[in-house]
Amino acid sequence: MNPWTVGVAVVGLAVISVVTRSFFFISRRELPMPGWLRRGLAYAPLAALLAVIAPEILMSHGQLLDTWRDARPPAVLVALAYYFWRRDILGTIVLGMTVYLPLHIGLGW
């Protein structure tokens, strides 16, 4: 592949990305937005995160988990319980991995 073509493609994609992401900042005045849309946009980051994480937890090879011998659900349940108890992100990650790794590596789940 021609290096110039790759370079033009990268620069073009960067420009498109910057323009589309800064669209709301370019305007000199605030764009009117209904209240229901503002409330809905507040949940967009959580919905995007859930859309990425849920398949990783509940699916394997494109299929829903069909066995209880998978290390991910127990690790998630323990991590969620800890998070709602302490509200500590680092502890949630450490505890979730503390449950996940022995089950996954040690027991082969």
Protein backbone atom coordinates (compact mmCIF):
# COMPACT_ATOMS: atom_id res chain seq x y z
CA MET A 1 0.00 0.00 0.00
CA ASN A 2 1.24 3.46 -0.89
CA PRO A 3 2.47 5.41 2.20
CA TRP A 4 0.93 8.62 0.84
CA THR A 5 -2.48 6.97 0.64
CA VAL A 6 -2.20 5.81 4.23
CA GLY A 7 -1.08 9.25 5.35
CA VAL A 8 -3.95 10.99 3.56
CA ALA A 9 -6.42 8.50 5.06
CA VAL A 10 -5.08 9.07 8.59
CA VAL A 11 -5.15 12.85 8.25
CA GLY A 12 -8.62 12.75 6.71
CA LEU A 13 -9.98 10.57 9.48
CA ALA A 14 -8.38 12.82 12.11
CA VAL A 15 -10.00 15.92 10.56
CA ILE A 16 -13.40 14.23 10.37
CA SER A 17 -13.08 13.07 13.98
CA VAL A 18 -12.13 16.55 15.25
CA VAL A 19 -14.91 18.28 13.31
CA THR A 20 -17.64 15.85 14.38
CA ARG A 21 -16.56 15.84 18.02
CA SER A 22 -16.24 19.61 18.24
CA PHE A 23 -19.47 20.39 16.38
CA PHE A 24 -21.21 21.65 19.53
CA PHE A 25 -18.22 23.82 20.49
CA ILE A 26 -17.90 25.54 17.11
CA SER A 27 -21.26 27.28 17.35
CA ARG A 28 -21.20 30.78 18.81
CA ARG A 29 -24.54 30.33 20.53
CA GLU A 30 -25.94 27.50 22.58
CA LEU A 31 -28.00 25.04 20.59
CA PRO A 32 -31.52 24.68 21.95
CA MET A 33 -32.17 21.22 23.32
CA PRO A 34 -35.38 19.93 24.91
CA GLY A 35 -35.22 18.92 28.57
CA TRP A 36 -35.98 15.26 27.82
CA LEU A 37 -32.96 15.12 25.50
CA ARG A 38 -30.67 16.70 28.10
CA ARG A 39 -31.81 14.16 30.70
CA GLY A 40 -31.34 11.33 28.22
CA LEU A 41 -27.83 12.45 27.27
CA ALA A 42 -26.84 12.31 30.93
CA TYR A 43 -27.18 8.50 30.72
CA ALA A 44 -25.29 8.10 27.43
CA PRO A 45 -21.85 7.36 28.97
CA LEU A 46 -23.31 4.70 31.26
CA ALA A 47 -25.24 3.12 28.39
CA ALA A 48 -22.12 3.04 26.19
CA LEU A 49 -20.06 1.47 28.97
CA LEU A 50 -22.73 -1.15 29.62
CA ALA A 51 -22.96 -1.94 25.90
CA VAL A 52 -19.24 -2.71 25.84
CA ILE A 53 -18.96 -4.58 29.15
CA ALA A 54 -22.18 -6.66 29.23
CA PRO A 55 -21.31 -8.89 26.24
CA GLU A 56 -17.88 -9.54 27.73
CA ILE A 57 -19.48 -10.75 30.95
CA LEU A 58 -22.51 -12.63 29.64
CA MET A 59 -21.23 -14.10 26.36
CA SER A 60 -18.50 -16.41 25.16
CA HIS A 61 -17.70 -17.00 21.47
CA GLY A 62 -20.84 -15.10 20.42
CA GLN A 63 -23.20 -17.22 22.55
CA LEU A 64 -24.75 -16.58 25.95
CA LEU A 65 -23.02 -18.43 28.77
CA ASP A 66 -24.62 -21.83 29.23
CA THR A 67 -22.61 -23.02 32.22
CA TRP A 68 -22.05 -21.80 35.73
CA ARG A 69 -18.35 -22.69 35.39
CA ASP A 70 -17.23 -19.33 34.11
CA ALA A 71 -15.09 -17.01 36.23
CA ARG A 72 -16.61 -13.75 35.00
CA PRO A 73 -20.09 -13.69 36.62
CA PRO A 74 -18.88 -14.50 40.16
CA ALA A 75 -16.11 -11.91 39.86
CA VAL A 76 -18.59 -9.29 38.65
CA LEU A 77 -21.06 -10.05 41.44
CA VAL A 78 -18.38 -9.78 44.12
CA ALA A 79 -16.98 -6.59 42.58
CA LEU A 80 -20.45 -5.01 42.33
CA ALA A 81 -21.24 -5.89 45.95
CA TYR A 82 -17.96 -4.34 47.08
CA TYR A 83 -18.52 -1.22 44.99
CA PHE A 84 -22.00 -0.62 46.39
CA TRP A 85 -20.67 -1.22 49.90
CA ARG A 86 -17.55 0.99 49.75
CA ARG A 87 -17.82 3.13 46.54
CA ASP A 88 -14.13 2.51 45.88
CA ILE A 89 -13.11 1.95 42.25
CA LEU A 90 -9.59 0.65 42.92
CA GLY A 91 -10.85 -1.81 45.53
CA THR A 92 -13.57 -2.95 43.14
CA ILE A 93 -11.02 -3.74 40.44
CA VAL A 94 -8.63 -5.47 42.86
CA LEU A 95 -11.36 -7.57 44.48
CA GLY A 96 -12.91 -8.51 41.14
CA MET A 97 -9.55 -9.68 39.83
CA THR A 98 -8.85 -11.46 43.13
CA VAL A 99 -11.95 -13.56 42.51
CA TYR A 100 -11.52 -13.88 38.74
CA LEU A 101 -7.87 -14.99 38.50
CA PRO A 102 -7.99 -18.03 40.84
CA LEU A 103 -11.18 -19.23 39.16
CA HIS A 104 -9.87 -18.66 35.64
CA ILE A 105 -6.24 -19.70 36.01
CA GLY A 106 -6.45 -22.03 38.99
CA LEU A 107 -9.64 -23.93 38.16
CA GLY A 108 -9.62 -23.35 34.41
CA TRP A 109 -13.07 -21.78 34.30
